[in-house]
Structure formats: structure tokens, C-alpha cells
PDB file of N, CA and C in Angstrom:
ATOM      1  N   MET A   1      52.555 -96.585  -2.707  1.00  0.00           N
ATOM      2  CA  MET A   1      52.008 -95.629  -2.292  1.00  0.00           C
ATOM      3  C   MET A   1      53.283 -94.558  -2.618  1.00  0.00           C
ATOM      4  N   GLN A   2      53.161 -93.042  -2.589  1.00  0.00           N
ATOM      5  CA  GLN A   2      54.139 -92.124  -3.125  1.00  0.00           C
ATOM      6  C   GLN A   2      53.531 -90.879  -2.270  1.00  0.00           C
ATOM      7  N   ASN A   3      54.919 -90.158  -1.735  1.00  0.00           N
ATOM      8  CA  ASN A   3      54.652 -88.999  -1.380  1.00  0.00           C
ATOM      9  C   ASN A   3      54.430 -87.987  -2.123  1.00  0.00           C
ATOM     10  N   PHE A   4      53.944 -86.855  -1.935  1.00  0.00           N
ATOM     11  CA  PHE A   4      53.057 -86.049  -2.578  1.00  0.00           C
ATOM     12  C   PHE A   4      53.362 -84.613  -2.147  1.00  0.00           C
ATOM     13  N   LEU A   5      53.923 -83.348  -2.410  1.00  0.00           N
ATOM     14  CA  LEU A   5      53.715 -82.414  -1.652  1.00  0.00           C
ATOM     15  C   LEU A   5      52.925 -81.356  -2.097  1.00  0.00           C
ATOM     16  N   ALA A   6      52.277 -80.984  -1.344  1.00  0.00           N
ATOM     17  CA  ALA A   6      50.737 -79.670  -1.153  1.00  0.00           C
ATOM     18  C   ALA A   6      51.174 -78.467  -0.710  1.00  0.00           C
ATOM     19  N   ILE A   7      51.377 -77.600  -1.874  1.00  0.00           N
ATOM     20  CA  ILE A   7      51.576 -76.376  -1.583  1.00  0.00           C
ATOM     21  C   ILE A   7      50.366 -75.271  -1.902  1.00  0.00           C
ATOM     22  N   PHE A   8      49.989 -74.429  -0.754  1.00  0.00           N
ATOM     23  CA  PHE A   8      48.929 -73.593  -0.627  1.00  0.00           C
ATOM     24  C   PHE A   8      48.995 -72.548  -0.972  1.00  0.00           C
ATOM     25  N   ILE A   9      48.596 -72.017  -2.308  1.00  0.00           N
ATOM     26  CA  ILE A   9      48.727 -70.526  -2.823  1.00  0.00           C
ATOM     27  C   ILE A   9      48.051 -69.595  -2.211  1.00  0.00           C
ATOM     28  N   ALA A  10      48.368 -68.311  -2.416  1.00  0.00           N
ATOM     29  CA  ALA A  10      47.361 -67.241  -1.768  1.00  0.00           C
ATOM     30  C   ALA A  10      48.146 -65.603  -2.633  1.00  0.00           C
ATOM     31  N   THR A  11      47.393 -65.079  -2.932  1.00  0.00           N
ATOM     32  CA  THR A  11      47.609 -63.403  -3.482  1.00  0.00           C
ATOM     33  C   THR A  11      46.984 -62.584  -2.984  1.00  0.00           C
ATOM     34  N   ASP A  12      47.888 -61.567  -2.252  1.00  0.00           N
ATOM     35  CA  ASP A  12      47.287 -60.353  -2.103  1.00  0.00           C
ATOM     36  C   ASP A  12      46.018 -59.745  -2.784  1.00  0.00           C
ATOM     37  N   ALA A  13      46.472 -60.396  -4.519  1.00  0.00           N
ATOM     38  CA  ALA A  13      45.325 -59.503  -5.316  1.00  0.00           C
ATOM     39  C   ALA A  13      44.108 -60.425  -5.912  1.00  0.00           C
ATOM     40  N   SER A  14      43.940 -61.392  -4.614  1.00  0.00           N
ATOM     41  CA  SER A  14      42.839 -62.611  -5.137  1.00  0.00           C
ATOM     42  C   SER A  14      41.347 -61.956  -4.927  1.00  0.00           C
ATOM     43  N   ARG A  15      40.568 -62.266  -5.125  1.00  0.00           N
ATOM     44  CA  ARG A  15      39.250 -61.779  -4.769  1.00  0.00           C
ATOM     45  C   ARG A  15      38.415 -62.147  -3.338  1.00  0.00           C
ATOM     46  N   ALA A  16      39.478 -63.169  -3.203  1.00  0.00           N
ATOM     47  CA  ALA A  16      38.940 -63.646  -1.928  1.00  0.00           C
ATOM     48  C   ALA A  16      39.699 -63.233  -0.902  1.00  0.00           C
ATOM     49  N   ARG A  17      41.229 -62.317  -0.958  1.00  0.00           N
ATOM     50  CA  ARG A  17      41.685 -61.868  -0.035  1.00  0.00           C
ATOM     51  C   ARG A  17      40.913 -60.077  -0.263  1.00  0.00           C
ATOM     52  N   ALA A  18      40.160 -59.682  -1.116  1.00  0.00           N
ATOM     53  CA  ALA A  18      40.096 -58.343  -1.179  1.00  0.00           C
ATOM     54  C   ALA A  18      38.524 -58.689  -0.082  1.00  0.00           C
ATOM     55  N   ASN A  19      37.806 -59.613  -0.404  1.00  0.00           N
ATOM     56  CA  ASN A  19      36.502 -59.835   0.335  1.00  0.00           C
ATOM     57  C   ASN A  19      36.921 -59.965   1.895  1.00  0.00           C
ATOM     58  N   TRP A  20      38.055 -60.848   2.429  1.00  0.00           N
ATOM     59  CA  TRP A  20      38.604 -61.013   3.992  1.00  0.00           C
ATOM     60  C   TRP A  20      38.892 -59.634   4.506  1.00  0.00           C
ATOM     61  N   GLY A  21      39.806 -58.602   3.544  1.00  0.00           N
ATOM     62  CA  GLY A  21      39.787 -57.515   3.524  1.00  0.00           C
ATOM     63  C   GLY A  21      38.656 -56.605   4.270  1.00  0.00           C
ATOM     64  N   ALA A  22      37.629 -56.822   3.752  1.00  0.00           N
ATOM     65  CA  ALA A  22      36.384 -55.771   3.613  1.00  0.00           C
ATOM     66  C   ALA A  22      35.200 -56.185   5.325  1.00  0.00           C
ATOM     67  N   LEU A  23      35.958 -57.491   6.043  1.00  0.00           N
ATOM     68  CA  LEU A  23      35.728 -58.007   6.937  1.00  0.00           C
ATOM     69  C   LEU A  23      35.816 -57.118   8.218  1.00  0.00           C
ATOM     70  N   SER A  24      35.055 -56.983   9.587  1.00  0.00           N
ATOM     71  CA  SER A  24      35.532 -56.562  10.331  1.00  0.00           C
ATOM     72  C   SER A  24      36.203 -57.117  11.438  1.00  0.00           C
ATOM     73  N   PRO A  25      36.958 -56.955  12.311  1.00  0.00           N
ATOM     74  CA  PRO A  25      37.655 -57.183  13.029  1.00  0.00           C
ATOM     75  C   PRO A  25      36.923 -58.736  13.748  1.00  0.00           C
ATOM     76  N   ASP A  26      36.076 -57.815  13.967  1.00  0.00           N
ATOM     77  CA  ASP A  26      35.212 -59.520  14.822  1.00  0.00           C
ATOM     78  C   ASP A  26      34.789 -60.300  13.665  1.00  0.00           C
ATOM     79  N   GLU A  27      34.256 -60.317  12.255  1.00  0.00           N
ATOM     80  CA  GLU A  27      34.288 -61.062  11.638  1.00  0.00           C
ATOM     81  C   GLU A  27      35.079 -61.943  11.103  1.00  0.00           C
ATOM     82  N   VAL A  28      36.349 -61.089  10.668  1.00  0.00           N
ATOM     83  CA  VAL A  28      37.521 -62.029  10.392  1.00  0.00           C
ATOM     84  C   VAL A  28      38.295 -63.099  12.004  1.00  0.00           C
ATOM     85  N   ALA A  29      38.062 -62.541  12.732  1.00  0.00           N
ATOM     86  CA  ALA A  29      38.197 -63.509  13.966  1.00  0.00           C
ATOM     87  C   ALA A  29      37.115 -64.842  14.016  1.00  0.00           C
ATOM     88  N   GLN A  30      35.935 -64.388  13.545  1.00  0.00           N
ATOM     89  CA  GLN A  30      35.132 -65.605  13.529  1.00  0.00           C
ATOM     90  C   GLN A  30      35.483 -66.529  12.464  1.00  0.00           C
ATOM     91  N   LYS A  31      36.056 -65.813  11.088  1.00  0.00           N
ATOM     92  CA  LYS A  31      36.101 -66.988  10.008  1.00  0.00           C
ATOM     93  C   LYS A  31      37.104 -67.853  10.116  1.00  0.00           C
ATOM     94  N   ARG A  32      38.405 -66.953  11.014  1.00  0.00           N
ATOM     95  CA  ARG A  32      39.616 -67.497  11.446  1.00  0.00           C
ATOM     96  C   ARG A  32      39.080 -68.536  12.263  1.00  0.00           C
ATOM     97  N   ALA A  33      38.439 -68.465  13.131  1.00  0.00           N
ATOM     98  CA  ALA A  33      38.139 -69.702  13.980  1.00  0.00           C
ATOM     99  C   ALA A  33      37.774 -70.637  13.436  1.00  0.00           C
ATOM    100  N   ALA A  34      36.972 -70.044  12.612  1.00  0.00           N
ATOM    101  CA  ALA A  34      36.091 -71.500  11.729  1.00  0.00           C
ATOM    102  C   ALA A  34      36.755 -72.253  10.580  1.00  0.00           C
ATOM    103  N   GLY A  35      37.633 -71.204   9.995  1.00  0.00           N
ATOM    104  CA  GLY A  35      38.630 -71.804   9.565  1.00  0.00           C
ATOM    105  C   GLY A  35      39.980 -72.935  10.212  1.00  0.00           C
ATOM    106  N   VAL A  36      40.225 -72.787  11.462  1.00  0.00           N
ATOM    107  CA  VAL A  36      40.994 -73.579  11.964  1.00  0.00           C
ATOM    108  C   VAL A  36      40.472 -74.481  12.418  1.00  0.00           C
ATOM    109  N   ALA A  37      39.158 -74.442  12.611  1.00  0.00           N
ATOM    110  CA  ALA A  37      38.466 -75.960  13.173  1.00  0.00           C
ATOM    111  C   ALA A  37      38.114 -76.792  11.841  1.00  0.00           C
ATOM    112  N   ALA A  38      37.290 -76.392  10.823  1.00  0.00           N
ATOM    113  CA  ALA A  38      37.597 -76.914   9.535  1.00  0.00           C
ATOM    114  C   ALA A  38      39.114 -77.963   9.233  1.00  0.00           C
ATOM    115  N   TRP A  39      40.122 -76.811   9.343  1.00  0.00           N
ATOM    116  CA  TRP A  39      41.483 -77.301   9.001  1.00  0.00           C
ATOM    117  C   TRP A  39      41.592 -78.742   9.992  1.00  0.00           C
ATOM    118  N   ASN A  40      41.535 -78.375  11.529  1.00  0.00           N
ATOM    119  CA  ASN A  40      41.558 -79.560  12.148  1.00  0.00           C
ATOM    120  C   ASN A  40      40.707 -80.659  11.578  1.00  0.00           C
ATOM    121  N   ASP A  41      39.590 -80.316  10.959  1.00  0.00           N
ATOM    122  CA  ASP A  41      38.857 -81.316  11.250  1.00  0.00           C
ATOM    123  C   ASP A  41      39.108 -82.327   9.576  1.00  0.00           C
ATOM    124  N   TRP A  42      40.071 -81.305   8.922  1.00  0.00           N
ATOM    125  CA  TRP A  42      40.442 -81.929   7.432  1.00  0.00           C
ATOM    126  C   TRP A  42      41.592 -82.777   7.823  1.00  0.00           C
ATOM    127  N   VAL A  43      42.805 -83.013   8.712  1.00  0.00           N
ATOM    128  CA  VAL A  43      43.924 -83.438   9.261  1.00  0.00           C
ATOM    129  C   VAL A  43      43.118 -84.294   9.687  1.00  0.00           C
ATOM    130  N   GLU A  44      42.255 -84.206  10.801  1.00  0.00           N
ATOM    131  CA  GLU A  44      41.933 -85.260  11.601  1.00  0.00           C
ATOM    132  C   GLU A  44      41.466 -86.493  10.747  1.00  0.00           C
ATOM    133  N   ARG A  45      40.364 -86.067   9.515  1.00  0.00           N
ATOM    134  CA  ARG A  45      39.796 -87.133   8.066  1.00  0.00           C
ATOM    135  C   ARG A  45      40.829 -87.736   7.056  1.00  0.00           C
ATOM    136  N   ASN A  46      41.498 -86.901   7.184  1.00  0.00           N
ATOM    137  CA  ASN A  46      42.870 -87.492   6.568  1.00  0.00           C
ATOM    138  C   ASN A  46      44.078 -88.077   7.321  1.00  0.00           C
ATOM    139  N   LYS A  47      44.014 -88.023   8.233  1.00  0.00           N
ATOM    140  CA  LYS A  47      45.272 -88.540   9.317  1.00  0.00           C
ATOM    141  C   LYS A  47      45.914 -89.845   8.559  1.00  0.00           C
ATOM    142  N   ALA A  48      45.301 -90.459   8.000  1.00  0.00           N
ATOM    143  CA  ALA A  48      46.031 -91.481   7.395  1.00  0.00           C
ATOM    144  C   ALA A  48      47.013 -91.266   6.320  1.00  0.00           C
ATOM    145  N   SER A  49      46.587 -90.049   5.630  1.00  0.00           N
ATOM    146  CA  SER A  49      47.383 -89.777   4.137  1.00  0.00           C
ATOM    147  C   SER A  49      48.532 -88.747   4.593  1.00  0.00           C
ATOM    148  N   ILE A  50      48.431 -88.384   6.005  1.00  0.00           N
ATOM    149  CA  ILE A  50      48.998 -87.342   6.071  1.00  0.00           C
ATOM    150  C   ILE A  50      50.579 -87.706   6.819  1.00  0.00           C
ATOM    151  N   VAL A  51      51.825 -87.148   6.199  1.00  0.00           N
ATOM    152  CA  VAL A  51      53.371 -87.770   6.310  1.00  0.00           C
ATOM    153  C   VAL A  51      53.639 -86.600   7.007  1.00  0.00           C
ATOM    154  N   ASP A  52      53.313 -85.550   7.135  1.00  0.00           N
ATOM    155  CA  ASP A  52      53.572 -84.196   7.537  1.00  0.00           C
ATOM    156  C   ASP A  52      52.675 -83.334   7.516  1.00  0.00           C
ATOM    157  N   PRO A  53      52.175 -82.829   8.972  1.00  0.00           N
ATOM    158  CA  PRO A  53      51.093 -81.789   8.442  1.00  0.00           C
ATOM    159  C   PRO A  53      51.569 -80.463   8.232  1.00  0.00           C
ATOM    160  N   GLY A  54      52.645 -79.945   8.459  1.00  0.00           N
ATOM    161  CA  GLY A  54      53.578 -78.834   7.439  1.00  0.00           C
ATOM    162  C   GLY A  54      53.449 -77.472   8.279  1.00  0.00           C
ATOM    163  N   SER A  55      53.300 -76.688   7.531  1.00  0.00           N
ATOM    164  CA  SER A  55      53.008 -75.133   8.476  1.00  0.00           C
ATOM    165  C   SER A  55      52.872 -74.029   7.927  1.00  0.00           C
ATOM    166  N   PRO A  56      52.187 -73.138   7.973  1.00  0.00           N
ATOM    167  CA  PRO A  56      52.401 -71.762   7.160  1.00  0.00           C
ATOM    168  C   PRO A  56      53.591 -71.359   7.209  1.00  0.00           C
ATOM    169  N   ILE A  57      53.681 -70.768   6.011  1.00  0.00           N
ATOM    170  CA  ILE A  57      55.111 -70.716   5.706  1.00  0.00           C
ATOM    171  C   ILE A  57      55.345 -68.964   5.654  1.00  0.00           C
ATOM    172  N   GLY A  58      56.334 -68.367   6.216  1.00  0.00           N
ATOM    173  CA  GLY A  58      57.077 -67.196   6.474  1.00  0.00           C
ATOM    174  C   GLY A  58      57.366 -66.345   5.653  1.00  0.00           C
ATOM    175  N   LYS A  59      58.135 -64.946   5.297  1.00  0.00           N
ATOM    176  CA  LYS A  59      58.473 -64.503   4.606  1.00  0.00           C
ATOM    177  C   LYS A  59      59.745 -65.012   3.829  1.00  0.00           C
ATOM    178  N   THR A  60      59.661 -64.531   2.649  1.00  0.00           N
ATOM    179  CA  THR A  60      61.103 -65.300   1.929  1.00  0.00           C
ATOM    180  C   THR A  60      62.665 -64.464   1.574  1.00  0.00           C
ATOM    181  N   LYS A  61      63.462 -65.582   2.101  1.00  0.00           N
ATOM    182  CA  LYS A  61      64.321 -64.981   1.779  1.00  0.00           C
ATOM    183  C   LYS A  61      65.503 -65.606   0.218  1.00  0.00           C
ATOM    184  N   ARG A  62      66.033 -64.685  -0.699  1.00  0.00           N
ATOM    185  CA  ARG A  62      66.430 -65.651  -1.748  1.00  0.00           C
ATOM    186  C   ARG A  62      68.395 -65.674  -1.889  1.00  0.00           C
ATOM    187  N   ALA A  63      68.433 -67.088  -1.854  1.00  0.00           N
ATOM    188  CA  ALA A  63      69.899 -66.591  -2.479  1.00  0.00           C
ATOM    189  C   ALA A  63      70.305 -66.946  -3.373  1.00  0.00           C
ATOM    190  N   ASN A  64      71.315 -66.399  -3.935  1.00  0.00           N
ATOM    191  CA  ASN A  64      71.587 -66.249  -5.350  1.00  0.00           C
ATOM    192  C   ASN A  64      73.328 -66.293  -5.601  1.00  0.00           C
ATOM    193  N   LEU A  65      74.061 -66.470  -6.354  1.00  0.00           N
ATOM    194  CA  LEU A  65      75.213 -66.061  -6.871  1.00  0.00           C
ATOM    195  C   LEU A  65      75.370 -64.475  -6.386  1.00  0.00           C
ATOM    196  N   ALA A  66      74.477 -63.648  -6.501  1.00  0.00           N
ATOM    197  CA  ALA A  66      74.608 -62.323  -5.706  1.00  0.00           C
ATOM    198  C   ALA A  66      74.431 -62.242  -4.829  1.00  0.00           C
ATOM    199  N   GLY A  67      74.272 -63.027  -3.897  1.00  0.00           N
ATOM    200  CA  GLY A  67      73.972 -63.093  -2.217  1.00  0.00           C
ATOM    201  C   GLY A  67      72.358 -63.503  -2.200  1.00  0.00           C
ATOM    202  N   VAL A  68      72.507 -62.583  -0.918  1.00  0.00           N
ATOM    203  CA  VAL A  68      71.036 -63.242  -0.243  1.00  0.00           C
ATOM    204  C   VAL A  68      70.405 -61.539  -0.566  1.00  0.00           C
ATOM    205  N   SER A  69      68.918 -61.939  -0.463  1.00  0.00           N
ATOM    206  CA  SER A  69      68.505 -60.727  -0.797  1.00  0.00           C
ATOM    207  C   SER A  69      66.249 -61.121  -0.243  1.00  0.00           C
ATOM    208  N   ASP A  70      65.679 -60.371   0.110  1.00  0.00           N
ATOM    209  CA  ASP A  70      64.262 -60.424   0.151  1.00  0.00           C
ATOM    210  C   ASP A  70      63.731 -60.757  -1.147  1.00  0.00           C
ATOM    211  N   GLY A  71      62.943 -61.691  -0.923  1.00  0.00           N
ATOM    212  CA  GLY A  71      61.832 -62.295  -1.936  1.00  0.00           C
ATOM    213  C   GLY A  71      60.531 -62.096  -1.878  1.00  0.00           C
ATOM    214  N   ALA A  72      60.022 -62.930  -2.976  1.00  0.00           N
ATOM    215  CA  ALA A  72      58.552 -62.991  -2.922  1.00  0.00           C
ATOM    216  C   ALA A  72      58.323 -64.288  -3.238  1.00  0.00           C
ATOM    217  N   ASN A  73      56.581 -64.847  -2.783  1.00  0.00           N
ATOM    218  CA  ASN A  73      56.227 -65.827  -3.579  1.00  0.00           C
ATOM    219  C   ASN A  73      54.784 -66.188  -3.384  1.00  0.00           C
ATOM    220  N   THR A  74      54.045 -66.979  -3.647  1.00  0.00           N
ATOM    221  CA  THR A  74      52.626 -67.002  -3.354  1.00  0.00           C
ATOM    222  C   THR A  74      52.104 -68.224  -2.157  1.00  0.00           C
ATOM    223  N   ILE A  75      53.186 -68.829  -1.755  1.00  0.00           N
ATOM    224  CA  ILE A  75      53.285 -69.954  -1.001  1.00  0.00           C
ATOM    225  C   ILE A  75      52.687 -69.194   0.252  1.00  0.00           C
ATOM    226  N   ALA A  76      51.738 -69.641   0.784  1.00  0.00           N
ATOM    227  CA  ALA A  76      51.084 -69.834   2.107  1.00  0.00           C
ATOM    228  C   ALA A  76      51.736 -70.761   3.604  1.00  0.00           C
ATOM    229  N   ALA A  77      51.162 -72.005   2.703  1.00  0.00           N
ATOM    230  CA  ALA A  77      51.880 -73.227   3.811  1.00  0.00           C
ATOM    231  C   ALA A  77      51.832 -74.341   2.825  1.00  0.00           C
ATOM    232  N   TYR A  78      52.343 -75.354   3.869  1.00  0.00           N
ATOM    233  CA  TYR A  78      52.618 -76.663   2.770  1.00  0.00           C
ATOM    234  C   TYR A  78      52.017 -77.572   3.930  1.00  0.00           C
ATOM    235  N   THR A  79      52.168 -79.051   3.116  1.00  0.00           N
ATOM    236  CA  THR A  79      51.542 -80.251   3.614  1.00  0.00           C
ATOM    237  C   THR A  79      52.506 -81.757   2.883  1.00  0.00           C
ATOM    238  N   ILE A  80      52.845 -82.390   3.528  1.00  0.00           N
ATOM    239  CA  ILE A  80      53.180 -83.412   2.791  1.00  0.00           C
ATOM    240  C   ILE A  80      52.018 -84.632   2.674  1.00  0.00           C
ATOM    241  N   ILE A  81      51.513 -85.455   2.029  1.00  0.00           N
ATOM    242  CA  ILE A  81      50.795 -86.390   1.872  1.00  0.00           C
ATOM    243  C   ILE A  81      51.206 -88.057   1.777  1.00  0.00           C
ATOM    244  N   ARG A  82      50.609 -88.715   1.631  1.00  0.00           N
ATOM    245  CA  ARG A  82      50.764 -90.125   1.157  1.00  0.00           C
ATOM    246  C   ARG A  82      49.415 -90.437   0.289  1.00  0.00           C
ATOM    247  N   ALA A  83      49.876 -90.925  -0.977  1.00  0.00           N
ATOM    248  CA  ALA A  83      48.588 -91.432  -1.686  1.00  0.00           C
ATOM    249  C   ALA A  83      48.607 -92.705  -2.795  1.00  0.00           C
ATOM    250  N   GLU A  84      48.062 -93.116  -3.460  1.00  0.00           N
ATOM    251  CA  GLU A  84      48.111 -94.065  -4.530  1.00  0.00           C
ATOM    252  C   GLU A  84      48.552 -93.483  -5.737  1.00  0.00           C
ATOM    253  N   SER A  85      47.725 -92.469  -6.112  1.00  0.00           N
ATOM    254  CA  SER A  85      48.173 -91.746  -7.608  1.00  0.00           C
ATOM    255  C   SER A  85      48.332 -89.933  -6.991  1.00  0.00           C
ATOM    256  N   HIS A  86      48.345 -89.455  -8.278  1.00  0.00           N
ATOM    257  CA  HIS A  86      48.729 -88.342  -8.484  1.00  0.00           C
ATOM    258  C   HIS A  86      47.345 -87.753  -8.038  1.00  0.00           C
ATOM    259  N   GLU A  87      46.299 -88.112  -9.050  1.00  0.00           N
ATOM    260  CA  GLU A  87      44.854 -87.669  -8.755  1.00  0.00           C
ATOM    261  C   GLU A  87      44.255 -87.842  -7.602  1.00  0.00           C
ATOM    262  N   ALA A  88      44.654 -88.897  -6.960  1.00  0.00           N
ATOM    263  CA  ALA A  88      44.278 -89.361  -5.444  1.00  0.00           C
ATOM    264  C   ALA A  88      44.897 -88.442  -4.437  1.00  0.00           C
ATOM    265  N   ALA A  89      45.752 -87.891  -4.582  1.00  0.00           N
ATOM    266  CA  ALA A  89      46.497 -86.914  -3.986  1.00  0.00           C
ATOM    267  C   ALA A  89      45.530 -85.269  -4.231  1.00  0.00           C
ATOM    268  N   ALA A  90      45.810 -85.108  -5.099  1.00  0.00           N
ATOM    269  CA  ALA A  90      45.031 -84.051  -5.361  1.00  0.00           C
ATOM    270  C   ALA A  90      42.978 -84.065  -4.669  1.00  0.00           C
ATOM    271  N   ARG A  91      42.908 -85.073  -4.956  1.00  0.00           N
ATOM    272  CA  ARG A  91      41.263 -84.868  -4.392  1.00  0.00           C
ATOM    273  C   ARG A  91      41.247 -85.084  -3.067  1.00  0.00           C
ATOM    274  N   LEU A  92      42.182 -85.322  -2.283  1.00  0.00           N
ATOM    275  CA  LEU A  92      42.245 -84.812  -0.635  1.00  0.00           C
ATOM    276  C   LEU A  92      41.817 -83.533  -0.569  1.00  0.00           C
ATOM    277  N   PHE A  93      42.344 -82.788  -1.138  1.00  0.00           N
ATOM    278  CA  PHE A  93      42.412 -80.928  -1.182  1.00  0.00           C
ATOM    279  C   PHE A  93      40.648 -80.526  -1.768  1.00  0.00           C
ATOM    280  N   GLU A  94      40.356 -81.480  -2.670  1.00  0.00           N
ATOM    281  CA  GLU A  94      39.004 -81.181  -2.648  1.00  0.00           C
ATOM    282  C   GLU A  94      37.938 -80.004  -1.549  1.00  0.00           C
ATOM    283  N   ASN A  95      37.497 -79.043  -1.973  1.00  0.00           N
ATOM    284  CA  ASN A  95      36.576 -78.185  -0.845  1.00  0.00           C
ATOM    285  C   ASN A  95      37.451 -78.189   0.210  1.00  0.00           C
ATOM    286  N   HIS A  96      38.628 -78.013   0.439  1.00  0.00           N
ATOM    287  CA  HIS A  96      39.792 -77.486   1.455  1.00  0.00           C
ATOM    288  C   HIS A  96      39.729 -76.145   1.876  1.00  0.00           C
ATOM    289  N   PRO A  97      39.619 -75.969   3.410  1.00  0.00           N
ATOM    290  CA  PRO A  97      39.164 -74.600   4.195  1.00  0.00           C
ATOM    291  C   PRO A  97      39.871 -73.783   3.457  1.00  0.00           C
ATOM    292  N   HIS A  98      41.303 -73.996   3.008  1.00  0.00           N
ATOM    293  CA  HIS A  98      42.097 -73.003   2.493  1.00  0.00           C
ATOM    294  C   HIS A  98      41.464 -72.023   1.697  1.00  0.00           C
ATOM    295  N   PHE A  99      40.694 -72.448   0.813  1.00  0.00           N
ATOM    296  CA  PHE A  99      40.229 -71.712  -0.384  1.00  0.00           C
ATOM    297  C   PHE A  99      38.485 -71.584  -0.170  1.00  0.00           C
ATOM    298  N   THR A 100      37.759 -72.575   0.773  1.00  0.00           N
ATOM    299  CA  THR A 100      36.363 -72.666   1.292  1.00  0.00           C
ATOM    300  C   THR A 100      36.035 -71.637   2.342  1.00  0.00           C
ATOM    301  N   ILE A 101      37.041 -71.536   3.346  1.00  0.00           N
ATOM    302  CA  ILE A 101      36.960 -70.257   4.507  1.00  0.00           C
ATOM    303  C   ILE A 101      37.901 -69.252   4.304  1.00  0.00           C
ATOM    304  N   PHE A 102      39.247 -69.806   4.534  1.00  0.00           N
ATOM    305  CA  PHE A 102      40.467 -68.922   4.485  1.00  0.00           C
ATOM    306  C   PHE A 102      40.298 -68.348   2.949  1.00  0.00           C
ATOM    307  N   PRO A 103      40.747 -67.138   3.087  1.00  0.00           N
ATOM    308  CA  PRO A 103      41.094 -66.290   1.709  1.00  0.00           C
ATOM    309  C   PRO A 103      42.041 -66.887   0.456  1.00  0.00           C
ATOM    310  N   GLY A 104      42.375 -68.156   0.770  1.00  0.00           N
ATOM    311  CA  GLY A 104      43.433 -68.777  -0.537  1.00  0.00           C
ATOM    312  C   GLY A 104      42.829 -69.116  -1.605  1.00  0.00           C
ATOM    313  N   GLU A 105      43.524 -69.294  -2.594  1.00  0.00           N
ATOM    314  CA  GLU A 105      43.063 -69.427  -3.756  1.00  0.00           C
ATOM    315  C   GLU A 105      43.430 -70.915  -4.359  1.00  0.00           C
ATOM    316  N   ALA A 106      44.274 -71.768  -4.233  1.00  0.00           N
ATOM    317  CA  ALA A 106      44.403 -73.023  -4.163  1.00  0.00           C
ATOM    318  C   ALA A 106      45.423 -73.854  -3.714  1.00  0.00           C
ATOM    319  N   VAL A 107      45.361 -75.229  -4.093  1.00  0.00           N
ATOM    320  CA  VAL A 107      46.224 -76.251  -3.308  1.00  0.00           C
ATOM    321  C   VAL A 107      46.766 -76.537  -4.879  1.00  0.00           C
ATOM    322  N   GLU A 108      48.451 -76.775  -4.572  1.00  0.00           N
ATOM    323  CA  GLU A 108      49.676 -77.338  -6.131  1.00  0.00           C
ATOM    324  C   GLU A 108      49.498 -78.560  -5.081  1.00  0.00           C
ATOM    325  N   VAL A 109      48.748 -79.780  -6.024  1.00  0.00           N
ATOM    326  CA  VAL A 109      49.761 -80.788  -5.338  1.00  0.00           C
ATOM    327  C   VAL A 109      50.781 -81.833  -6.486  1.00  0.00           C
ATOM    328  N   MET A 110      52.040 -81.725  -5.905  1.00  0.00           N
ATOM    329  CA  MET A 110      53.220 -82.620  -6.654  1.00  0.00           C
ATOM    330  C   MET A 110      53.926 -83.654  -6.450  1.00  0.00           C
ATOM    331  N   PRO A 111      54.439 -84.358  -6.891  1.00  0.00           N
ATOM    332  CA  PRO A 111      54.756 -85.875  -6.378  1.00  0.00           C
ATOM    333  C   PRO A 111      56.133 -85.469  -5.913  1.00  0.00           C
ATOM    334  N   CYS A 112      56.717 -85.877  -5.036  1.00  0.00           N
ATOM    335  CA  CYS A 112      58.101 -85.963  -4.880  1.00  0.00           C
ATOM    336  C   CYS A 112      58.913 -87.456  -5.422  1.00  0.00           C
ATOM    337  N   LEU A 113      59.763 -86.618  -6.236  1.00  0.00           N
ATOM    338  CA  LEU A 113      60.301 -87.803  -7.024  1.00  0.00           C
ATOM    339  C   LEU A 113      62.055 -88.471  -6.388  1.00  0.00           C
ATOM    340  N   PRO A 114      61.952 -89.545  -6.535  1.00  0.00           N
ATOM    341  CA  PRO A 114      63.136 -89.806  -6.086  1.00  0.00           C
ATOM    342  C   PRO A 114      64.639 -89.210  -6.545  1.00  0.00           C
ATOM    343  N   ILE A 115      65.757 -88.933  -5.480  1.00  0.00           N
ATOM    344  CA  ILE A 115      66.639 -87.963  -6.295  1.00  0.00           C
ATOM    345  C   ILE A 115      67.540 -89.123  -7.281  1.00  0.00           C
ATOM    346  N   PRO A 116      68.227 -88.710  -8.414  1.00  0.00           N
ATOM    347  CA  PRO A 116      68.273 -89.705  -9.404  1.00  0.00           C
ATOM    348  C   PRO A 116      69.693 -90.191  -9.339  1.00  0.00           C
ATOM    349  N   ALA A 117      69.735 -91.227  -9.531  1.00  0.00           N
ATOM    350  CA  ALA A 117      70.813 -91.871  -9.835  1.00  0.00           C
ATOM    351  C   ALA A 117      72.139 -91.155 -10.000  1.00  0.00           C
ATOM    352  N   VAL A 118      73.397 -91.518  -9.974  1.00  0.00           N
ATOM    353  CA  VAL A 118      74.460 -91.030 -10.860  1.00  0.00           C
ATOM    354  C   VAL A 118      75.014 -92.237 -11.555  1.00  0.00           C
TER     355      VAL A 118
END
């Protein structure tokens, strides 16, 4: 079994985001409630594979040789899971509420690799 990092991707330019923005405040509240319930159901169904349920991600600060500045990215949230293979890990996110209910675009799944020995 190996750990995998799942990154939930969303951009303001997506068609799903535009459709979400066209909803009334009541419709957004209803979709948000349905999305949270579906996400919680997904967590419950997959709890044996979830190492860290993660959380939503806030605004970005970038640190580099020039100092610290505001940054931007498309990461909306993360989760760490454990699976037998990369394929099996990715399949856990098929039809996930992030993009079936919420206006997210995709979930990118990547293996957590061991730190190289010196």
C-alpha cells in the first residue's frame, strides 16, 4: 500500500464556475448543502483508504529568493489516501462531488514518494 496526494483543482474560468455563479443565493445554498452531504458520504464510503481527509486550501503566499509575495494557484483542497496502486487511488475519485455537484474541475492524484537516501 502506498500513500497518494489528491489535489482538488478549480479555477474561476471554468464552465462549472460560470454555471454556479448564475445560480440564485438560495440555489447556491441548496447545492452547497447537497455537496457537503455527498462529500461526507464519499468520506464515509472510503474511510478505510483515507489517511488524512485534508481540508480546503486558502489564498497563496509565495516565498522565494525575492522574499514573500501573494501568489495564485488552482488548488481548492487536498486529501491523502492509501491504495494498492496509482490507478486504484485515482479511481476512488471517480464521480466525486468536487466536480459532480461543486464547480470543481478535477482531482489530480499523485504518489507520495520516499525521500531519497543520501
